[in-house]
Amino acid sequence: MSAVDKNGCLAVTADDEIRIIVEGAGEFLGAGNGNPASHENDKVPVRRLFNGMMQIIIRPAENRGRIKVRAYSNSIAGAELVIDVAQN
């Protein structure tokens, strides 16, 4: 996930704290930002951006359904992603 400006360009100086909520058929496993100096807990759904980016790891908790991932911050606009989970 990445922070972008009003033109859709990566906001490389963004280091805002992002909170993650995973709802539905999924579960949060971890978060990272690639910053070797970061000492934030990888298992907590709160992480600061590094160079405007971070990653989250989720997995389906059920064989089918929808996973809703919400990211929000006090300082920048939030985002939401919906993933459909289907059994193979």
PDB file of N, CA and C in Angstrom:
ATOM      1  N   MET A   1       0.845  -1.147   0.000  1.00  0.00           N
ATOM      2  CA  MET A   1       0.000   0.000   0.000  1.00  0.00           C
ATOM      3  C   MET A   1       0.897   1.218   0.000  1.00  0.00           C
ATOM      4  N   SER A   2       0.419   2.281  -0.629  1.00  0.00           N
ATOM      5  CA  SER A   2       1.247   3.478  -0.743  1.00  0.00           C
ATOM      6  C   SER A   2       0.397   4.733  -0.635  1.00  0.00           C
ATOM      7  N   ALA A   3       1.036   5.795  -0.206  1.00  0.00           N
ATOM      8  CA  ALA A   3       0.393   7.099  -0.140  1.00  0.00           C
ATOM      9  C   ALA A   3       0.677   7.831  -1.443  1.00  0.00           C
ATOM     10  N   VAL A   4      -0.355   8.440  -1.991  1.00  0.00           N
ATOM     11  CA  VAL A   4      -0.197   9.199  -3.234  1.00  0.00           C
ATOM     12  C   VAL A   4      -0.733  10.614  -3.028  1.00  0.00           C
ATOM     13  N   ASP A   5      -0.232  11.523  -3.865  1.00  0.00           N
ATOM     14  CA  ASP A   5      -0.709  12.899  -3.788  1.00  0.00           C
ATOM     15  C   ASP A   5      -1.960  13.058  -4.649  1.00  0.00           C
ATOM     16  N   LYS A   6      -2.443  14.281  -4.778  1.00  0.00           N
ATOM     17  CA  LYS A   6      -3.681  14.530  -5.518  1.00  0.00           C
ATOM     18  C   LYS A   6      -3.572  14.175  -7.000  1.00  0.00           C
ATOM     19  N   ASN A   7      -2.349  14.061  -7.521  1.00  0.00           N
ATOM     20  CA  ASN A   7      -2.134  13.684  -8.920  1.00  0.00           C
ATOM     21  C   ASN A   7      -1.887  12.188  -9.102  1.00  0.00           C
ATOM     22  N   GLY A   8      -1.937  11.439  -7.997  1.00  0.00           N
ATOM     23  CA  GLY A   8      -1.710  10.000  -8.071  1.00  0.00           C
ATOM     24  C   GLY A   8      -0.242   9.594  -8.032  1.00  0.00           C
ATOM     25  N   CYS A   9       0.637  10.538  -7.756  1.00  0.00           N
ATOM     26  CA  CYS A   9       2.075  10.242  -7.675  1.00  0.00           C
ATOM     27  C   CYS A   9       2.436   9.804  -6.261  1.00  0.00           C
ATOM     28  N   LEU A  10       3.366   8.864  -6.153  1.00  0.00           N
ATOM     29  CA  LEU A  10       3.814   8.374  -4.861  1.00  0.00           C
ATOM     30  C   LEU A  10       4.335   9.523  -4.002  1.00  0.00           C
ATOM     31  N   ALA A  11       3.849   9.592  -2.774  1.00  0.00           N
ATOM     32  CA  ALA A  11       4.278  10.612  -1.818  1.00  0.00           C
ATOM     33  C   ALA A  11       5.471  10.059  -1.036  1.00  0.00           C
ATOM     34  N   VAL A  12       6.668  10.158  -1.621  1.00  0.00           N
ATOM     35  CA  VAL A  12       7.854   9.488  -1.081  1.00  0.00           C
ATOM     36  C   VAL A  12       8.304   9.997   0.286  1.00  0.00           C
ATOM     37  N   THR A  13       7.832  11.151   0.698  1.00  0.00           N
ATOM     38  CA  THR A  13       8.220  11.666   2.012  1.00  0.00           C
ATOM     39  C   THR A  13       7.209  11.293   3.099  1.00  0.00           C
ATOM     40  N   ALA A  14       6.123  10.623   2.728  1.00  0.00           N
ATOM     41  CA  ALA A  14       5.089  10.271   3.704  1.00  0.00           C
ATOM     42  C   ALA A  14       5.619   9.250   4.700  1.00  0.00           C
ATOM     43  N   ASP A  15       5.416   9.543   5.982  1.00  0.00           N
ATOM     44  CA  ASP A  15       5.796   8.603   7.034  1.00  0.00           C
ATOM     45  C   ASP A  15       4.692   8.505   8.088  1.00  0.00           C
ATOM     46  N   ASP A  16       3.459   8.716   7.643  1.00  0.00           N
ATOM     47  CA  ASP A  16       2.303   8.724   8.523  1.00  0.00           C
ATOM     48  C   ASP A  16       2.050   7.349   9.133  1.00  0.00           C
ATOM     49  N   GLU A  17       1.447   7.348  10.313  1.00  0.00           N
ATOM     50  CA  GLU A  17       1.046   6.106  10.948  1.00  0.00           C
ATOM     51  C   GLU A  17      -0.274   5.637  10.339  1.00  0.00           C
ATOM     52  N   ILE A  18      -0.310   4.404   9.890  1.00  0.00           N
ATOM     53  CA  ILE A  18      -1.485   3.830   9.238  1.00  0.00           C
ATOM     54  C   ILE A  18      -2.040   2.717  10.119  1.00  0.00           C
ATOM     55  N   ARG A  19      -3.335   2.719  10.290  1.00  0.00           N
ATOM     56  CA  ARG A  19      -4.022   1.651  11.037  1.00  0.00           C
ATOM     57  C   ARG A  19      -4.778   0.779  10.040  1.00  0.00           C
ATOM     58  N   ILE A  20      -4.708  -0.522  10.256  1.00  0.00           N
ATOM     59  CA  ILE A  20      -5.321  -1.492   9.355  1.00  0.00           C
ATOM     60  C   ILE A  20      -6.436  -2.227  10.076  1.00  0.00           C
ATOM     61  N   ILE A  21      -7.570  -2.376   9.402  1.00  0.00           N
ATOM     62  CA  ILE A  21      -8.677  -3.190   9.905  1.00  0.00           C
ATOM     63  C   ILE A  21      -8.999  -4.216   8.831  1.00  0.00           C
ATOM     64  N   VAL A  22      -9.011  -5.490   9.218  1.00  0.00           N
ATOM     65  CA  VAL A  22      -9.373  -6.574   8.306  1.00  0.00           C
ATOM     66  C   VAL A  22     -10.684  -7.160   8.822  1.00  0.00           C
ATOM     67  N   GLU A  23     -11.699  -7.184   7.952  1.00  0.00           N
ATOM     68  CA  GLU A  23     -13.013  -7.685   8.330  1.00  0.00           C
ATOM     69  C   GLU A  23     -13.447  -8.777   7.371  1.00  0.00           C
ATOM     70  N   GLY A  24     -14.405  -9.569   7.799  1.00  0.00           N
ATOM     71  CA  GLY A  24     -14.973 -10.585   6.919  1.00  0.00           C
ATOM     72  C   GLY A  24     -14.193 -11.877   6.968  1.00  0.00           C
ATOM     73  N   ALA A  25     -13.950 -12.461   5.787  1.00  0.00           N
ATOM     74  CA  ALA A  25     -13.379 -13.802   5.658  1.00  0.00           C
ATOM     75  C   ALA A  25     -11.858 -13.815   5.678  1.00  0.00           C
ATOM     76  N   GLY A  26     -11.233 -12.843   6.333  1.00  0.00           N
ATOM     77  CA  GLY A  26      -9.779 -12.787   6.349  1.00  0.00           C
ATOM     78  C   GLY A  26      -9.237 -12.420   7.704  1.00  0.00           C
ATOM     79  N   GLU A  27      -7.933 -12.580   7.863  1.00  0.00           N
ATOM     80  CA  GLU A  27      -7.295 -12.188   9.105  1.00  0.00           C
ATOM     81  C   GLU A  27      -5.952 -11.527   8.832  1.00  0.00           C
ATOM     82  N   PHE A  28      -5.625 -10.574   9.662  1.00  0.00           N
ATOM     83  CA  PHE A  28      -4.370  -9.839   9.577  1.00  0.00           C
ATOM     84  C   PHE A  28      -3.248 -10.714  10.128  1.00  0.00           C
ATOM     85  N   LEU A  29      -2.139 -10.820   9.392  1.00  0.00           N
ATOM     86  CA  LEU A  29      -0.988 -11.584   9.860  1.00  0.00           C
ATOM     87  C   LEU A  29       0.188 -10.701  10.240  1.00  0.00           C
ATOM     88  N   GLY A  30       0.384  -9.594   9.523  1.00  0.00           N
ATOM     89  CA  GLY A  30       1.521  -8.747   9.832  1.00  0.00           C
ATOM     90  C   GLY A  30       1.626  -7.552   8.920  1.00  0.00           C
ATOM     91  N   ALA A  31       2.567  -6.674   9.264  1.00  0.00           N
ATOM     92  CA  ALA A  31       2.804  -5.463   8.476  1.00  0.00           C
ATOM     93  C   ALA A  31       4.288  -5.155   8.482  1.00  0.00           C
ATOM     94  N   GLY A  32       4.746  -4.545   7.420  1.00  0.00           N
ATOM     95  CA  GLY A  32       6.138  -4.146   7.317  1.00  0.00           C
ATOM     96  C   GLY A  32       6.252  -2.905   6.458  1.00  0.00           C
ATOM     97  N   ASN A  33       7.410  -2.233   6.563  1.00  0.00           N
ATOM     98  CA  ASN A  33       7.588  -1.043   5.740  1.00  0.00           C
ATOM     99  C   ASN A  33       8.965  -0.971   5.081  1.00  0.00           C
ATOM    100  N   GLY A  34       9.822  -1.953   5.300  1.00  0.00           N
ATOM    101  CA  GLY A  34      11.126  -1.964   4.658  1.00  0.00           C
ATOM    102  C   GLY A  34      12.167  -1.072   5.296  1.00  0.00           C
ATOM    103  N   ASN A  35      11.807  -0.411   6.376  1.00  0.00           N
ATOM    104  CA  ASN A  35      12.749   0.481   7.050  1.00  0.00           C
ATOM    105  C   ASN A  35      13.604  -0.340   8.018  1.00  0.00           C
ATOM    106  N   PRO A  36      14.895  -0.480   7.752  1.00  0.00           N
ATOM    107  CA  PRO A  36      15.737  -1.291   8.637  1.00  0.00           C
ATOM    108  C   PRO A  36      15.894  -0.699  10.038  1.00  0.00           C
ATOM    109  N   ALA A  37      15.579   0.572  10.217  1.00  0.00           N
ATOM    110  CA  ALA A  37      15.676   1.202  11.526  1.00  0.00           C
ATOM    111  C   ALA A  37      14.365   1.140  12.312  1.00  0.00           C
ATOM    112  N   SER A  38      13.316   0.597  11.703  1.00  0.00           N
ATOM    113  CA  SER A  38      12.015   0.528  12.363  1.00  0.00           C
ATOM    114  C   SER A  38      12.003  -0.583  13.411  1.00  0.00           C
ATOM    115  N   HIS A  39      11.488  -0.261  14.578  1.00  0.00           N
ATOM    116  CA  HIS A  39      11.366  -1.248  15.650  1.00  0.00           C
ATOM    117  C   HIS A  39       9.904  -1.508  15.992  1.00  0.00           C
ATOM    118  N   GLU A  40       9.004  -1.185  15.076  1.00  0.00           N
ATOM    119  CA  GLU A  40       7.582  -1.415  15.303  1.00  0.00           C
ATOM    120  C   GLU A  40       7.294  -2.915  15.278  1.00  0.00           C
ATOM    121  N   ASN A  41       6.329  -3.331  16.060  1.00  0.00           N
ATOM    122  CA  ASN A  41       5.929  -4.732  16.127  1.00  0.00           C
ATOM    123  C   ASN A  41       5.257  -5.139  14.810  1.00  0.00           C
ATOM    124  N   ASP A  42       5.768  -6.193  14.166  1.00  0.00           N
ATOM    125  CA  ASP A  42       5.234  -6.651  12.881  1.00  0.00           C
ATOM    126  C   ASP A  42       3.862  -7.287  12.996  1.00  0.00           C
ATOM    127  N   LYS A  43       3.461  -7.679  14.184  1.00  0.00           N
ATOM    128  CA  LYS A  43       2.197  -8.406  14.380  1.00  0.00           C
ATOM    129  C   LYS A  43       1.034  -7.494  14.753  1.00  0.00           C
ATOM    130  N   VAL A  44       1.281  -6.209  14.838  1.00  0.00           N
ATOM    131  CA  VAL A  44       0.255  -5.239  15.231  1.00  0.00           C
ATOM    132  C   VAL A  44      -0.222  -4.495  13.989  1.00  0.00           C
ATOM    133  N   PRO A  45      -1.540  -4.307  13.823  1.00  0.00           N
ATOM    134  CA  PRO A  45      -2.049  -3.658  12.605  1.00  0.00           C
ATOM    135  C   PRO A  45      -1.900  -2.138  12.588  1.00  0.00           C
ATOM    136  N   VAL A  46      -0.754  -1.662  13.035  1.00  0.00           N
ATOM    137  CA  VAL A  46      -0.425  -0.235  12.997  1.00  0.00           C
ATOM    138  C   VAL A  46       1.028  -0.138  12.551  1.00  0.00           C
ATOM    139  N   ARG A  47       1.285   0.693  11.533  1.00  0.00           N
ATOM    140  CA  ARG A  47       2.651   0.789  10.996  1.00  0.00           C
ATOM    141  C   ARG A  47       2.821   2.160  10.374  1.00  0.00           C
ATOM    142  N   ARG A  48       4.015   2.709  10.489  1.00  0.00           N
ATOM    143  CA  ARG A  48       4.332   3.966   9.817  1.00  0.00           C
ATOM    144  C   ARG A  48       4.775   3.669   8.389  1.00  0.00           C
ATOM    145  N   LEU A  49       4.407   4.551   7.477  1.00  0.00           N
ATOM    146  CA  LEU A  49       4.891   4.450   6.109  1.00  0.00           C
ATOM    147  C   LEU A  49       6.387   4.724   6.079  1.00  0.00           C
ATOM    148  N   PHE A  50       7.078   4.139   5.136  1.00  0.00           N
ATOM    149  CA  PHE A  50       8.492   4.420   4.907  1.00  0.00           C
ATOM    150  C   PHE A  50       8.639   4.708   3.425  1.00  0.00           C
ATOM    151  N   ASN A  51       9.133   5.903   3.097  1.00  0.00           N
ATOM    152  CA  ASN A  51       9.191   6.359   1.696  1.00  0.00           C
ATOM    153  C   ASN A  51       7.821   6.255   1.035  1.00  0.00           C
ATOM    154  N   GLY A  52       6.779   6.504   1.830  1.00  0.00           N
ATOM    155  CA  GLY A  52       5.410   6.518   1.322  1.00  0.00           C
ATOM    156  C   GLY A  52       4.764   5.156   1.169  1.00  0.00           C
ATOM    157  N   MET A  53       5.437   4.084   1.629  1.00  0.00           N
ATOM    158  CA  MET A  53       4.885   2.745   1.400  1.00  0.00           C
ATOM    159  C   MET A  53       4.946   1.857   2.641  1.00  0.00           C
ATOM    160  N   MET A  54       4.124   0.828   2.617  1.00  0.00           N
ATOM    161  CA  MET A  54       4.140  -0.245   3.605  1.00  0.00           C
ATOM    162  C   MET A  54       3.475  -1.457   2.980  1.00  0.00           C
ATOM    163  N   GLN A  55       3.635  -2.598   3.606  1.00  0.00           N
ATOM    164  CA  GLN A  55       2.925  -3.789   3.135  1.00  0.00           C
ATOM    165  C   GLN A  55       2.174  -4.400   4.294  1.00  0.00           C
ATOM    166  N   ILE A  56       1.079  -5.067   3.972  1.00  0.00           N
ATOM    167  CA  ILE A  56       0.374  -5.840   4.982  1.00  0.00           C
ATOM    168  C   ILE A  56       0.217  -7.259   4.450  1.00  0.00           C
ATOM    169  N   ILE A  57       0.139  -8.189   5.364  1.00  0.00           N
ATOM    170  CA  ILE A  57      -0.041  -9.588   4.999  1.00  0.00           C
ATOM    171  C   ILE A  57      -1.335 -10.061   5.642  1.00  0.00           C
ATOM    172  N   ILE A  58      -2.219 -10.580   4.795  1.00  0.00           N
ATOM    173  CA  ILE A  58      -3.485 -11.132   5.274  1.00  0.00           C
ATOM    174  C   ILE A  58      -3.648 -12.519   4.682  1.00  0.00           C
ATOM    175  N   ARG A  59      -4.537 -13.306   5.261  1.00  0.00           N
ATOM    176  CA  ARG A  59      -4.856 -14.600   4.671  1.00  0.00           C
ATOM    177  C   ARG A  59      -6.339 -14.856   4.847  1.00  0.00           C
ATOM    178  N   PRO A  60      -6.890 -15.649   3.940  1.00  0.00           N
ATOM    179  CA  PRO A  60      -8.302 -16.007   4.096  1.00  0.00           C
ATOM    180  C   PRO A  60      -8.488 -16.849   5.349  1.00  0.00           C
ATOM    181  N   ALA A  61      -9.508 -16.545   6.118  1.00  0.00           N
ATOM    182  CA  ALA A  61      -9.841 -17.325   7.303  1.00  0.00           C
ATOM    183  C   ALA A  61     -10.933 -18.338   6.979  1.00  0.00           C
ATOM    184  N   GLU A  62     -11.529 -18.182   5.821  1.00  0.00           N
ATOM    185  CA  GLU A  62     -12.601 -19.062   5.383  1.00  0.00           C
ATOM    186  C   GLU A  62     -12.373 -19.408   3.911  1.00  0.00           C
ATOM    187  N   ASN A  63     -13.058 -20.435   3.421  1.00  0.00           N
ATOM    188  CA  ASN A  63     -12.888 -20.877   2.033  1.00  0.00           C
ATOM    189  C   ASN A  63     -13.600 -19.989   1.022  1.00  0.00           C
ATOM    190  N   ARG A  64     -14.517 -19.220   1.475  1.00  0.00           N
ATOM    191  CA  ARG A  64     -15.220 -18.309   0.575  1.00  0.00           C
ATOM    192  C   ARG A  64     -15.752 -17.130   1.364  1.00  0.00           C
ATOM    193  N   GLY A  65     -16.056 -16.089   0.636  1.00  0.00           N
ATOM    194  CA  GLY A  65     -16.562 -14.878   1.273  1.00  0.00           C
ATOM    195  C   GLY A  65     -15.791 -13.658   0.799  1.00  0.00           C
ATOM    196  N   ARG A  66     -15.908 -12.615   1.549  1.00  0.00           N
ATOM    197  CA  ARG A  66     -15.241 -11.352   1.201  1.00  0.00           C
ATOM    198  C   ARG A  66     -14.351 -10.905   2.341  1.00  0.00           C
ATOM    199  N   ILE A  67     -13.192 -10.409   1.954  1.00  0.00           N
ATOM    200  CA  ILE A  67     -12.283  -9.797   2.910  1.00  0.00           C
ATOM    201  C   ILE A  67     -12.299  -8.294   2.638  1.00  0.00           C
ATOM    202  N   LYS A  68     -12.568  -7.532   3.663  1.00  0.00           N
ATOM    203  CA  LYS A  68     -12.520  -6.075   3.520  1.00  0.00           C
ATOM    204  C   LYS A  68     -11.319  -5.577   4.322  1.00  0.00           C
ATOM    205  N   VAL A  69     -10.432  -4.866   3.641  1.00  0.00           N
ATOM    206  CA  VAL A  69      -9.249  -4.290   4.277  1.00  0.00           C
ATOM    207  C   VAL A  69      -9.397  -2.776   4.237  1.00  0.00           C
ATOM    208  N   ARG A  70      -9.353  -2.160   5.410  1.00  0.00           N
ATOM    209  CA  ARG A  70      -9.437  -0.703   5.503  1.00  0.00           C
ATOM    210  C   ARG A  70      -8.144  -0.169   6.105  1.00  0.00           C
ATOM    211  N   ALA A  71      -7.626   0.878   5.504  1.00  0.00           N
ATOM    212  CA  ALA A  71      -6.437   1.558   6.009  1.00  0.00           C
ATOM    213  C   ALA A  71      -6.821   3.010   6.271  1.00  0.00           C
ATOM    214  N   TYR A  72      -6.457   3.496   7.446  1.00  0.00           N
ATOM    215  CA  TYR A  72      -6.792   4.888   7.746  1.00  0.00           C
ATOM    216  C   TYR A  72      -5.717   5.522   8.614  1.00  0.00           C
ATOM    217  N   SER A  73      -5.734   6.836   8.626  1.00  0.00           N
ATOM    218  CA  SER A  73      -4.763   7.622   9.361  1.00  0.00           C
ATOM    219  C   SER A  73      -5.430   8.904   9.818  1.00  0.00           C
ATOM    220  N   ASN A  74      -4.870   9.518  10.829  1.00  0.00           N
ATOM    221  CA  ASN A  74      -5.388  10.817  11.274  1.00  0.00           C
ATOM    222  C   ASN A  74      -4.945  11.953  10.356  1.00  0.00           C
ATOM    223  N   SER A  75      -3.923  11.687   9.523  1.00  0.00           N
ATOM    224  CA  SER A  75      -3.337  12.773   8.752  1.00  0.00           C
ATOM    225  C   SER A  75      -3.540  12.694   7.239  1.00  0.00           C
ATOM    226  N   ILE A  76      -3.880  11.509   6.704  1.00  0.00           N
ATOM    227  CA  ILE A  76      -4.108  11.391   5.261  1.00  0.00           C
ATOM    228  C   ILE A  76      -5.392  10.612   5.013  1.00  0.00           C
ATOM    229  N   ALA A  77      -5.917  10.703   3.795  1.00  0.00           N
ATOM    230  CA  ALA A  77      -7.162  10.021   3.453  1.00  0.00           C
ATOM    231  C   ALA A  77      -6.984   8.504   3.518  1.00  0.00           C
ATOM    232  N   GLY A  78      -8.017   7.819   3.966  1.00  0.00           N
ATOM    233  CA  GLY A  78      -7.992   6.360   4.071  1.00  0.00           C
ATOM    234  C   GLY A  78      -8.344   5.692   2.757  1.00  0.00           C
ATOM    235  N   ALA A  79      -8.298   4.366   2.787  1.00  0.00           N
ATOM    236  CA  ALA A  79      -8.620   3.576   1.601  1.00  0.00           C
ATOM    237  C   ALA A  79      -9.239   2.262   2.040  1.00  0.00           C
ATOM    238  N   GLU A  80      -9.929   1.631   1.092  1.00  0.00           N
ATOM    239  CA  GLU A  80     -10.581   0.351   1.366  1.00  0.00           C
ATOM    240  C   GLU A  80     -10.403  -0.565   0.166  1.00  0.00           C
ATOM    241  N   LEU A  81     -10.182  -1.841   0.441  1.00  0.00           N
ATOM    242  CA  LEU A  81     -10.025  -2.851  -0.594  1.00  0.00           C
ATOM    243  C   LEU A  81     -10.899  -4.039  -0.235  1.00  0.00           C
ATOM    244  N   VAL A  82     -11.641  -4.562  -1.199  1.00  0.00           N
ATOM    245  CA  VAL A  82     -12.462  -5.748  -0.989  1.00  0.00           C
ATOM    246  C   VAL A  82     -11.920  -6.861  -1.874  1.00  0.00           C
ATOM    247  N   ILE A  83     -11.672  -8.011  -1.253  1.00  0.00           N
ATOM    248  CA  ILE A  83     -11.149  -9.171  -1.965  1.00  0.00           C
ATOM    249  C   ILE A  83     -12.181 -10.290  -1.851  1.00  0.00           C
ATOM    250  N   ASP A  84     -12.578 -10.860  -2.995  1.00  0.00           N
ATOM    251  CA  ASP A  84     -13.485 -12.003  -2.984  1.00  0.00           C
ATOM    252  C   ASP A  84     -12.669 -13.280  -2.850  1.00  0.00           C
ATOM    253  N   VAL A  85     -13.026 -14.102  -1.875  1.00  0.00           N
ATOM    254  CA  VAL A  85     -12.349 -15.379  -1.650  1.00  0.00           C
ATOM    255  C   VAL A  85     -13.240 -16.480  -2.198  1.00  0.00           C
ATOM    256  N   ALA A  86     -12.673 -17.315  -3.058  1.00  0.00           N
ATOM    257  CA  ALA A  86     -13.427 -18.425  -3.637  1.00  0.00           C
ATOM    258  C   ALA A  86     -12.611 -19.706  -3.499  1.00  0.00           C
ATOM    259  N   GLN A  87     -13.281 -20.772  -3.146  1.00  0.00           N
ATOM    260  CA  GLN A  87     -12.605 -22.062  -3.016  1.00  0.00           C
ATOM    261  C   GLN A  87     -12.238 -22.581  -4.403  1.00  0.00           C
ATOM    262  N   ASN A  88     -11.032 -23.137  -4.541  1.00  0.00           N
ATOM    263  CA  ASN A  88     -10.590 -23.696  -5.830  1.00  0.00           C
ATOM    264  C   ASN A  88     -11.142 -25.068  -6.041  1.00  0.00           C
TER     265      ASN A  88
END
